[in-house]
Amino acid sequence: MISFQQFLALVIITFFITRLFKQKNKQQVSNSEFWLWLFFWTCSALAIIFLKQLDHLASALGFTASGINLLFYGAILVLFYFV
């Protein structure tokens, strides 16, 4: 069951993806920017939809925190990789 906060986040992500497609049609974003942002928003939506499974994965990996913290740790690792 999706909570109200998850539903609201998915509505906002849908708005951003729709806006992204409009910008792509108007040639306001490049092809690489379009795919980067589409990948980002799709991953964000999937993380929100599968939040309970992420909680189970976090506990299976030995983290005492929730799955959202696991995503945060992963994002920090990716940022360090790019720097």
N, C-alpha and C. Protein backbone atom coordinates (compact mmCIF):
# COMPACT_ATOMS: atom_id res chain seq x y z
N MET A 1 0.84 -1.18 0.00
CA MET A 1 0.00 0.00 0.00
C MET A 1 0.88 1.25 0.00
N ILE A 2 0.58 2.17 -0.86
CA ILE A 2 1.36 3.40 -0.97
C ILE A 2 0.77 4.45 -0.03
N SER A 3 1.64 5.06 0.76
CA SER A 3 1.20 6.09 1.70
C SER A 3 0.94 7.40 0.95
N PHE A 4 0.37 8.35 1.68
CA PHE A 4 0.08 9.65 1.09
C PHE A 4 1.35 10.36 0.63
N GLN A 5 2.42 10.26 1.44
CA GLN A 5 3.68 10.91 1.10
C GLN A 5 4.27 10.30 -0.17
N GLN A 6 4.19 8.97 -0.30
CA GLN A 6 4.69 8.32 -1.50
C GLN A 6 3.88 8.74 -2.72
N PHE A 7 2.56 8.79 -2.57
CA PHE A 7 1.70 9.21 -3.66
C PHE A 7 2.02 10.63 -4.10
N LEU A 8 2.19 11.52 -3.13
CA LEU A 8 2.51 12.91 -3.43
C LEU A 8 3.86 13.02 -4.14
N ALA A 9 4.84 12.26 -3.68
CA ALA A 9 6.16 12.27 -4.33
C ALA A 9 6.06 11.76 -5.75
N LEU A 10 5.26 10.73 -5.99
CA LEU A 10 5.10 10.20 -7.35
C LEU A 10 4.39 11.20 -8.26
N VAL A 11 3.44 11.95 -7.72
CA VAL A 11 2.77 12.99 -8.51
C VAL A 11 3.77 14.07 -8.90
N ILE A 12 4.62 14.47 -7.97
CA ILE A 12 5.62 15.49 -8.26
C ILE A 12 6.62 14.98 -9.30
N ILE A 13 7.05 13.73 -9.16
CA ILE A 13 7.98 13.16 -10.14
C ILE A 13 7.33 13.08 -11.52
N THR A 14 6.06 12.72 -11.56
CA THR A 14 5.34 12.68 -12.84
C THR A 14 5.30 14.07 -13.47
N PHE A 15 5.10 15.09 -12.65
CA PHE A 15 5.12 16.47 -13.16
C PHE A 15 6.47 16.80 -13.78
N PHE A 16 7.56 16.43 -13.08
CA PHE A 16 8.89 16.74 -13.59
C PHE A 16 9.20 15.96 -14.87
N ILE A 17 8.77 14.71 -14.95
CA ILE A 17 9.00 13.93 -16.16
C ILE A 17 8.21 14.51 -17.33
N THR A 18 6.97 14.93 -17.08
CA THR A 18 6.16 15.56 -18.12
C THR A 18 6.82 16.85 -18.60
N ARG A 19 7.30 17.63 -17.66
CA ARG A 19 7.98 18.88 -18.01
C ARG A 19 9.26 18.60 -18.82
N LEU A 20 9.95 17.53 -18.45
CA LEU A 20 11.16 17.14 -19.16
C LEU A 20 10.86 16.79 -20.62
N PHE A 21 9.78 16.05 -20.85
CA PHE A 21 9.40 15.71 -22.22
C PHE A 21 9.00 16.96 -23.01
N LYS A 22 8.33 17.91 -22.37
CA LYS A 22 7.97 19.15 -23.06
C LYS A 22 9.22 19.93 -23.45
N GLN A 23 10.20 19.97 -22.54
CA GLN A 23 11.45 20.67 -22.85
C GLN A 23 12.21 19.98 -23.97
N LYS A 24 12.14 18.66 -24.00
CA LYS A 24 12.80 17.91 -25.07
C LYS A 24 12.15 18.21 -26.41
N ASN A 25 10.82 18.29 -26.44
CA ASN A 25 10.12 18.60 -27.69
C ASN A 25 10.42 20.01 -28.18
N LYS A 26 10.67 20.94 -27.26
CA LYS A 26 11.00 22.32 -27.63
C LYS A 26 12.49 22.51 -27.86
N GLN A 27 13.27 21.42 -27.78
CA GLN A 27 14.72 21.46 -27.96
C GLN A 27 15.42 22.35 -26.92
N GLN A 28 14.87 22.41 -25.71
CA GLN A 28 15.48 23.21 -24.65
C GLN A 28 16.52 22.43 -23.85
N VAL A 29 16.52 21.10 -23.98
CA VAL A 29 17.53 20.27 -23.33
C VAL A 29 18.18 19.39 -24.39
N SER A 30 19.44 19.10 -24.17
CA SER A 30 20.13 18.24 -25.13
C SER A 30 19.71 16.78 -24.92
N ASN A 31 20.11 15.95 -25.85
CA ASN A 31 19.77 14.54 -25.79
C ASN A 31 20.37 13.88 -24.55
N SER A 32 21.63 14.19 -24.25
CA SER A 32 22.29 13.58 -23.09
C SER A 32 21.67 14.07 -21.78
N GLU A 33 21.32 15.36 -21.72
CA GLU A 33 20.65 15.88 -20.52
C GLU A 33 19.30 15.22 -20.32
N PHE A 34 18.58 15.05 -21.43
CA PHE A 34 17.27 14.41 -21.36
C PHE A 34 17.37 13.02 -20.76
N TRP A 35 18.30 12.20 -21.26
CA TRP A 35 18.43 10.83 -20.77
C TRP A 35 18.94 10.78 -19.33
N LEU A 36 19.82 11.71 -18.98
CA LEU A 36 20.31 11.77 -17.60
C LEU A 36 19.17 12.05 -16.63
N TRP A 37 18.38 13.08 -16.94
CA TRP A 37 17.29 13.44 -16.04
C TRP A 37 16.17 12.41 -16.06
N LEU A 38 15.91 11.79 -17.19
CA LEU A 38 14.90 10.74 -17.24
C LEU A 38 15.34 9.54 -16.39
N PHE A 39 16.61 9.19 -16.46
CA PHE A 39 17.14 8.11 -15.64
C PHE A 39 17.02 8.46 -14.16
N PHE A 40 17.37 9.68 -13.79
CA PHE A 40 17.31 10.13 -12.41
C PHE A 40 15.89 10.05 -11.86
N TRP A 41 14.93 10.62 -12.58
CA TRP A 41 13.54 10.64 -12.10
C TRP A 41 12.92 9.25 -12.09
N THR A 42 13.30 8.41 -13.05
CA THR A 42 12.79 7.04 -13.06
C THR A 42 13.33 6.26 -11.86
N CYS A 43 14.60 6.40 -11.58
CA CYS A 43 15.19 5.73 -10.41
C CYS A 43 14.55 6.25 -9.12
N SER A 44 14.27 7.54 -9.07
CA SER A 44 13.63 8.10 -7.88
C SER A 44 12.23 7.52 -7.69
N ALA A 45 11.47 7.41 -8.77
CA ALA A 45 10.13 6.84 -8.68
C ALA A 45 10.19 5.37 -8.26
N LEU A 46 11.12 4.62 -8.81
CA LEU A 46 11.25 3.21 -8.44
C LEU A 46 11.65 3.06 -6.98
N ALA A 47 12.53 3.93 -6.49
CA ALA A 47 12.93 3.89 -5.09
C ALA A 47 11.74 4.16 -4.17
N ILE A 48 10.86 5.06 -4.59
CA ILE A 48 9.68 5.37 -3.79
C ILE A 48 8.69 4.21 -3.82
N ILE A 49 8.51 3.62 -4.98
CA ILE A 49 7.56 2.51 -5.10
C ILE A 49 8.04 1.29 -4.31
N PHE A 50 9.33 1.00 -4.35
CA PHE A 50 9.87 -0.19 -3.71
C PHE A 50 10.56 0.13 -2.39
N LEU A 51 10.02 1.08 -1.63
CA LEU A 51 10.65 1.51 -0.38
C LEU A 51 10.66 0.39 0.66
N LYS A 52 9.60 -0.39 0.76
CA LYS A 52 9.56 -1.50 1.72
C LYS A 52 10.62 -2.54 1.40
N GLN A 53 10.80 -2.84 0.11
CA GLN A 53 11.83 -3.80 -0.28
C GLN A 53 13.22 -3.27 0.03
N LEU A 54 13.40 -1.95 -0.10
CA LEU A 54 14.69 -1.35 0.26
C LEU A 54 14.95 -1.47 1.76
N ASP A 55 13.89 -1.36 2.56
CA ASP A 55 14.03 -1.55 4.01
C ASP A 55 14.51 -2.97 4.31
N HIS A 56 13.93 -3.95 3.62
CA HIS A 56 14.34 -5.34 3.83
C HIS A 56 15.78 -5.56 3.38
N LEU A 57 16.16 -4.95 2.26
CA LEU A 57 17.53 -5.06 1.77
C LEU A 57 18.51 -4.43 2.76
N ALA A 58 18.15 -3.28 3.31
CA ALA A 58 19.02 -2.60 4.27
C ALA A 58 19.22 -3.47 5.50
N SER A 59 18.17 -4.08 6.00
CA SER A 59 18.32 -4.93 7.18
C SER A 59 19.10 -6.20 6.84
N ALA A 60 18.94 -6.74 5.63
CA ALA A 60 19.69 -7.93 5.23
C ALA A 60 21.18 -7.62 5.10
N LEU A 61 21.52 -6.39 4.73
CA LEU A 61 22.92 -5.99 4.60
C LEU A 61 23.54 -5.59 5.94
N GLY A 62 22.71 -5.55 6.99
CA GLY A 62 23.23 -5.24 8.31
C GLY A 62 23.07 -3.80 8.74
N PHE A 63 22.40 -3.00 7.95
CA PHE A 63 22.15 -1.62 8.34
C PHE A 63 20.99 -1.59 9.33
N THR A 64 21.11 -0.78 10.36
CA THR A 64 20.03 -0.68 11.33
C THR A 64 19.02 0.39 10.95
N ALA A 65 19.35 1.20 9.98
CA ALA A 65 18.47 2.28 9.54
C ALA A 65 17.54 1.79 8.44
N SER A 66 16.75 2.69 7.91
CA SER A 66 15.77 2.33 6.89
C SER A 66 16.41 2.30 5.50
N GLY A 67 15.63 1.88 4.53
CA GLY A 67 16.10 1.80 3.16
C GLY A 67 16.44 3.14 2.56
N ILE A 68 15.77 4.17 3.02
CA ILE A 68 16.04 5.50 2.49
C ILE A 68 17.46 5.93 2.87
N ASN A 69 17.93 5.50 4.05
CA ASN A 69 19.32 5.79 4.43
C ASN A 69 20.28 5.02 3.55
N LEU A 70 19.92 3.82 3.17
CA LEU A 70 20.75 3.04 2.25
C LEU A 70 20.89 3.76 0.91
N LEU A 71 19.80 4.34 0.42
CA LEU A 71 19.85 5.12 -0.81
C LEU A 71 20.75 6.35 -0.64
N PHE A 72 20.65 6.98 0.51
CA PHE A 72 21.47 8.15 0.79
C PHE A 72 22.95 7.78 0.78
N TYR A 73 23.31 6.66 1.43
CA TYR A 73 24.70 6.21 1.44
C TYR A 73 25.18 5.91 0.03
N GLY A 74 24.33 5.29 -0.76
CA GLY A 74 24.69 4.99 -2.15
C GLY A 74 24.90 6.26 -2.96
N ALA A 75 24.06 7.26 -2.73
CA ALA A 75 24.20 8.53 -3.44
C ALA A 75 25.51 9.22 -3.07
N ILE A 76 25.89 9.16 -1.80
CA ILE A 76 27.15 9.75 -1.36
C ILE A 76 28.32 9.04 -2.03
N LEU A 77 28.25 7.71 -2.13
CA LEU A 77 29.32 6.96 -2.80
C LEU A 77 29.44 7.35 -4.27
N VAL A 78 28.31 7.52 -4.93
CA VAL A 78 28.33 7.92 -6.35
C VAL A 78 28.92 9.31 -6.49
N LEU A 79 28.56 10.22 -5.60
CA LEU A 79 29.13 11.57 -5.65
C LEU A 79 30.64 11.55 -5.44
N PHE A 80 31.12 10.75 -4.50
CA PHE A 80 32.57 10.64 -4.30
C PHE A 80 33.24 10.04 -5.52
N TYR A 81 32.58 9.11 -6.18
CA TYR A 81 33.15 8.51 -7.38
C TYR A 81 33.33 9.56 -8.47
N PHE A 82 32.35 10.46 -8.63
CA PHE A 82 32.41 11.47 -9.69
C PHE A 82 33.38 12.60 -9.36
N VAL A 83 33.69 12.79 -8.10
CA VAL A 83 34.63 13.85 -7.70
C VAL A 83 36.00 13.28 -7.83
